[in-house]
Amino acid sequence: MKTELAVVLVSGGMDSCVAAALANEHYRLACLHVNYGQRTEARELRAFHELAEFYQAEKRLVVSIEHLKVIGGSALTDASIPVPVSGSMQSAVPTTYVPFRNAHLLAIAVSWAEVIGATRIYIGAVEEDSSGYPDCREVFYQAFNKVIETGTKPETRAEIITPLIHMNKSAIVRKGAELGAPLHLTWSCYQNSERACGRCESCALRLKGFREAGVKDPIPYEE
């Protein structure tokens, strides 16, 4: 019998799906989705609802933080910045990084967790095999847990859990398959909403993970 509640940040992508599957083993689920003006916002929202339905989430919350689109500075929120093709020359932090995005997501998750009494906040962040985003590093989440301790009510016991942080994409695919996670419902493409482009960094990492895991990726691609 699951007695405790966990907030799970569900973007609609593969990593958040597997994080939800892991949380579902021990906790009742409260699934959270944040729209921030990203190119594939509608497609990711559809994936979120399908995943929340699959896991029979006890609670479901969708919020919008359009100010990240207004602030800009990312290829995901600014149409004038092209989504880079995988393998193209980039700086250490790619243009698809949304400035400090995960801090915004976690702040919302902590607020909700404090209200509904959730004791865990699951996020599918990956440091080992990701695009190099600074807010996907383990040290960032360790620091944020300190923020939660300092800035919430004394009785609040909400802790951020990053179960995938040291996994590579192939390990995530294998774990998802092992748990029966509905990877066919997920969406990872940064650019398209009908058929994944197969060229952006997110598609490339996903395809590499499935290939190395020896599993067929169940979503459609242009290439």
Protein backbone atom coordinates (compact mmCIF):
# COMPACT_ATOMS: atom_id res chain seq x y z
CA MET A 1 0.00 0.00 0.00
CA LYS A 2 1.53 3.32 -1.12
CA THR A 3 0.99 5.90 1.60
CA GLU A 4 3.26 8.77 0.54
CA LEU A 5 2.75 11.14 -2.36
CA ALA A 6 5.41 12.21 -4.86
CA VAL A 7 5.31 15.11 -7.29
CA VAL A 8 6.74 13.99 -10.63
CA LEU A 9 7.82 16.56 -13.20
CA VAL A 10 6.60 15.07 -16.47
CA SER A 11 7.75 16.92 -19.57
CA GLY A 12 6.45 14.19 -21.83
CA GLY A 13 9.93 13.01 -22.78
CA MET A 14 11.57 9.64 -22.31
CA ASP A 15 13.54 10.57 -19.20
CA SER A 16 10.56 11.96 -17.31
CA CYS A 17 8.54 8.89 -18.30
CA VAL A 18 11.11 6.53 -16.76
CA ALA A 19 11.37 8.77 -13.69
CA ALA A 20 7.59 8.47 -13.31
CA ALA A 21 7.82 4.69 -13.67
CA LEU A 22 10.41 4.57 -10.88
CA ALA A 23 8.37 6.87 -8.63
CA ASN A 24 5.29 4.75 -9.27
CA GLU A 25 6.98 1.75 -7.67
CA HIS A 26 6.84 3.36 -4.22
CA TYR A 27 4.62 6.45 -4.26
CA ARG A 28 1.22 7.77 -5.21
CA LEU A 29 1.74 10.15 -8.09
CA ALA A 30 1.01 13.85 -8.53
CA CYS A 31 2.10 14.68 -12.07
CA LEU A 32 3.21 18.22 -12.91
CA HIS A 33 3.71 19.69 -16.38
CA VAL A 34 5.06 23.16 -17.15
CA ASN A 35 4.53 24.96 -20.45
CA TYR A 36 7.13 27.68 -21.03
CA GLY A 37 6.57 28.67 -24.65
CA GLN A 38 8.71 25.91 -26.13
CA ARG A 39 8.39 25.06 -29.84
CA THR A 40 6.71 21.68 -29.24
CA GLU A 41 4.56 22.81 -26.30
CA ALA A 42 1.28 21.30 -27.55
CA ARG A 43 2.87 17.94 -28.42
CA GLU A 44 4.62 17.70 -25.05
CA LEU A 45 1.37 18.53 -23.25
CA ARG A 46 -0.39 15.73 -25.10
CA ALA A 47 2.36 13.31 -24.05
CA PHE A 48 2.04 14.49 -20.44
CA HIS A 49 -1.69 13.78 -20.29
CA GLU A 50 -1.23 10.35 -21.88
CA LEU A 51 1.53 9.45 -19.41
CA ALA A 52 -0.44 10.75 -16.41
CA GLU A 53 -3.41 8.68 -17.58
CA PHE A 54 -1.24 5.59 -18.03
CA TYR A 55 0.09 5.85 -14.48
CA GLN A 56 -3.33 6.79 -13.08
CA ALA A 57 -1.89 9.86 -11.38
CA GLU A 58 -3.85 10.80 -8.29
CA LYS A 59 -3.31 14.48 -9.02
CA ARG A 60 -2.49 16.36 -12.20
CA LEU A 61 -1.37 19.98 -12.61
CA VAL A 62 -0.48 21.96 -15.73
CA VAL A 63 0.93 25.48 -15.35
CA SER A 64 2.30 28.05 -17.77
CA ILE A 65 5.37 30.22 -17.28
CA GLU A 66 5.38 32.16 -20.54
CA HIS A 67 7.91 34.62 -19.13
CA LEU A 68 10.67 32.20 -20.18
CA LYS A 69 9.60 32.73 -23.80
CA VAL A 70 9.53 36.49 -23.28
CA ILE A 71 13.02 36.38 -21.73
CA GLY A 72 14.22 34.25 -24.66
CA GLY A 73 17.86 33.33 -25.10
CA SER A 74 17.13 29.76 -26.17
CA ALA A 75 16.47 28.01 -29.48
CA LEU A 76 13.55 26.26 -27.77
CA THR A 77 11.69 29.50 -27.02
CA ASP A 78 12.98 31.98 -29.62
CA ALA A 79 12.01 31.26 -33.23
CA SER A 80 14.84 33.48 -34.48
CA ILE A 81 17.43 31.08 -33.01
CA PRO A 82 17.63 27.91 -35.13
CA VAL A 83 17.52 24.53 -33.40
CA PRO A 84 21.05 23.16 -33.97
CA VAL A 85 21.58 19.89 -35.78
CA SER A 86 23.33 17.21 -33.75
CA GLY A 87 27.08 17.31 -34.19
CA SER A 88 27.22 20.93 -35.29
CA MET A 89 29.83 23.13 -33.65
CA GLN A 90 28.50 24.66 -30.43
CA SER A 91 29.78 26.17 -27.22
CA ALA A 92 29.98 24.05 -24.07
CA VAL A 93 26.38 25.05 -23.28
CA PRO A 94 24.21 24.61 -26.40
CA THR A 95 21.69 27.16 -27.65
CA THR A 96 18.86 24.80 -26.65
CA TYR A 97 19.61 25.53 -22.99
CA VAL A 98 16.71 27.54 -21.49
CA PRO A 99 18.33 29.88 -18.95
CA PHE A 100 17.84 28.54 -15.42
CA ARG A 101 14.68 26.72 -16.51
CA ASN A 102 14.90 23.84 -14.04
CA ALA A 103 14.99 26.25 -11.10
CA HIS A 104 11.62 27.60 -12.23
CA LEU A 105 10.21 24.07 -12.60
CA LEU A 106 11.46 22.98 -9.20
CA ALA A 107 10.14 26.10 -7.48
CA ILE A 108 6.65 25.30 -8.78
CA ALA A 109 7.02 21.64 -7.79
CA VAL A 110 8.11 22.57 -4.25
CA SER A 111 5.18 24.97 -3.83
CA TRP A 112 2.74 22.27 -4.93
CA ALA A 113 4.42 19.59 -2.82
CA GLU A 114 4.15 21.80 0.25
CA VAL A 115 0.43 22.34 -0.31
CA ILE A 116 -0.51 18.71 -1.04
CA GLY A 117 1.89 17.13 1.44
CA ALA A 118 4.15 15.36 -1.06
CA THR A 119 7.42 14.09 0.41
CA ARG A 120 9.35 13.57 -2.83
CA ILE A 121 9.85 15.51 -6.05
CA TYR A 122 11.02 13.34 -8.96
CA ILE A 123 12.73 14.88 -11.98
CA GLY A 124 14.29 12.95 -14.87
CA ALA A 125 17.46 15.01 -15.04
CA VAL A 126 20.48 13.32 -16.65
CA GLU A 127 24.05 14.53 -16.17
CA GLU A 128 26.11 11.67 -17.59
CA ASP A 129 24.72 11.55 -21.13
CA SER A 130 22.95 14.86 -21.76
CA SER A 131 23.46 18.04 -23.77
CA GLY A 132 25.59 19.71 -21.11
CA TYR A 133 22.96 21.89 -19.46
CA PRO A 134 24.27 23.39 -16.19
CA ASP A 135 20.92 22.87 -14.42
CA CYS A 136 21.06 19.12 -15.09
CA ARG A 137 24.07 18.54 -12.81
CA GLU A 138 23.79 16.62 -9.56
CA VAL A 139 25.36 19.48 -7.60
CA PHE A 140 22.50 21.75 -8.71
CA TYR A 141 19.89 19.42 -7.18
CA GLN A 142 21.91 18.98 -4.01
CA ALA A 143 21.97 22.77 -3.64
CA PHE A 144 18.24 23.03 -4.35
CA ASN A 145 17.47 20.53 -1.61
CA LYS A 146 19.26 22.90 0.78
CA VAL A 147 17.04 25.71 -0.52
CA ILE A 148 13.95 23.63 0.24
CA GLU A 149 15.14 22.96 3.79
CA THR A 150 15.75 26.65 4.34
CA GLY A 151 12.74 28.16 2.60
CA THR A 152 9.76 25.98 3.49
CA LYS A 153 7.70 25.34 6.62
CA PRO A 154 9.48 23.42 9.40
CA GLU A 155 7.15 20.45 8.92
CA THR A 156 7.70 20.26 5.14
CA ARG A 157 9.67 17.17 4.11
CA ALA A 158 9.95 17.47 0.34
CA GLU A 159 13.15 16.10 -1.18
CA ILE A 160 14.22 16.22 -4.82
CA ILE A 161 14.99 12.77 -6.26
CA THR A 162 17.02 12.42 -9.47
CA PRO A 163 16.98 8.66 -10.18
CA LEU A 164 18.50 8.97 -13.67
CA ILE A 165 21.22 11.50 -12.94
CA HIS A 166 24.15 9.10 -13.52
CA MET A 167 22.55 6.91 -16.19
CA ASN A 168 23.25 7.13 -19.91
CA LYS A 169 20.47 7.01 -22.48
CA SER A 170 20.83 3.32 -23.27
CA ALA A 171 20.55 2.47 -19.57
CA ILE A 172 17.44 4.64 -19.35
CA VAL A 173 15.89 2.82 -22.32
CA ARG A 174 16.67 -0.55 -20.73
CA LYS A 175 15.26 0.55 -17.38
CA GLY A 176 12.12 1.81 -19.09
CA ALA A 177 11.69 -1.50 -20.91
CA GLU A 178 12.26 -3.40 -17.67
CA LEU A 179 9.56 -1.37 -15.90
CA GLY A 180 7.11 -1.55 -18.80
CA ALA A 181 7.22 2.23 -19.21
CA PRO A 182 5.10 3.49 -22.14
CA LEU A 183 7.96 4.93 -24.18
CA HIS A 184 5.68 4.95 -27.23
CA LEU A 185 3.73 7.79 -25.61
CA THR A 186 6.78 10.02 -25.11
CA TRP A 187 8.07 12.89 -27.24
CA SER A 188 11.66 14.18 -27.30
CA CYS A 189 12.05 16.20 -30.49
CA TYR A 190 12.95 19.87 -30.02
CA GLN A 191 11.62 20.93 -33.40
CA ASN A 192 8.68 18.90 -34.75
CA SER A 193 5.32 17.79 -33.38
CA GLU A 194 4.13 15.28 -35.99
CA ARG A 195 7.18 13.21 -36.89
CA ALA A 196 10.38 13.67 -34.88
CA CYS A 197 13.07 15.37 -36.94
CA GLY A 198 15.79 12.83 -36.10
CA ARG A 199 18.43 15.57 -36.43
CA CYS A 200 18.30 17.74 -33.29
CA GLU A 201 20.45 16.93 -30.28
CA SER A 202 17.52 15.51 -28.31
CA CYS A 203 16.51 13.17 -31.15
CA ALA A 204 20.14 12.12 -31.65
CA LEU A 205 20.64 11.25 -27.98
CA ARG A 206 17.36 9.35 -27.90
CA LEU A 207 18.09 7.37 -31.07
CA LYS A 208 21.59 6.57 -29.83
CA GLY A 209 20.15 5.29 -26.56
CA PHE A 210 17.66 2.99 -28.26
CA ARG A 211 20.28 1.75 -30.72
CA GLU A 212 22.80 0.93 -27.99
CA ALA A 213 20.10 -0.73 -25.88
CA GLY A 214 19.10 -2.92 -28.84
CA VAL A 215 15.51 -1.68 -28.67
CA LYS A 216 13.46 -0.18 -31.51
CA ASP A 217 12.35 3.39 -30.88
CA PRO A 218 8.54 3.29 -31.13
CA ILE A 219 7.93 6.91 -32.25
CA PRO A 220 7.89 8.09 -35.91
CA TYR A 221 10.82 9.98 -37.46
CA GLU A 222 11.29 11.98 -40.63
CA GLU A 223 14.76 10.46 -41.04
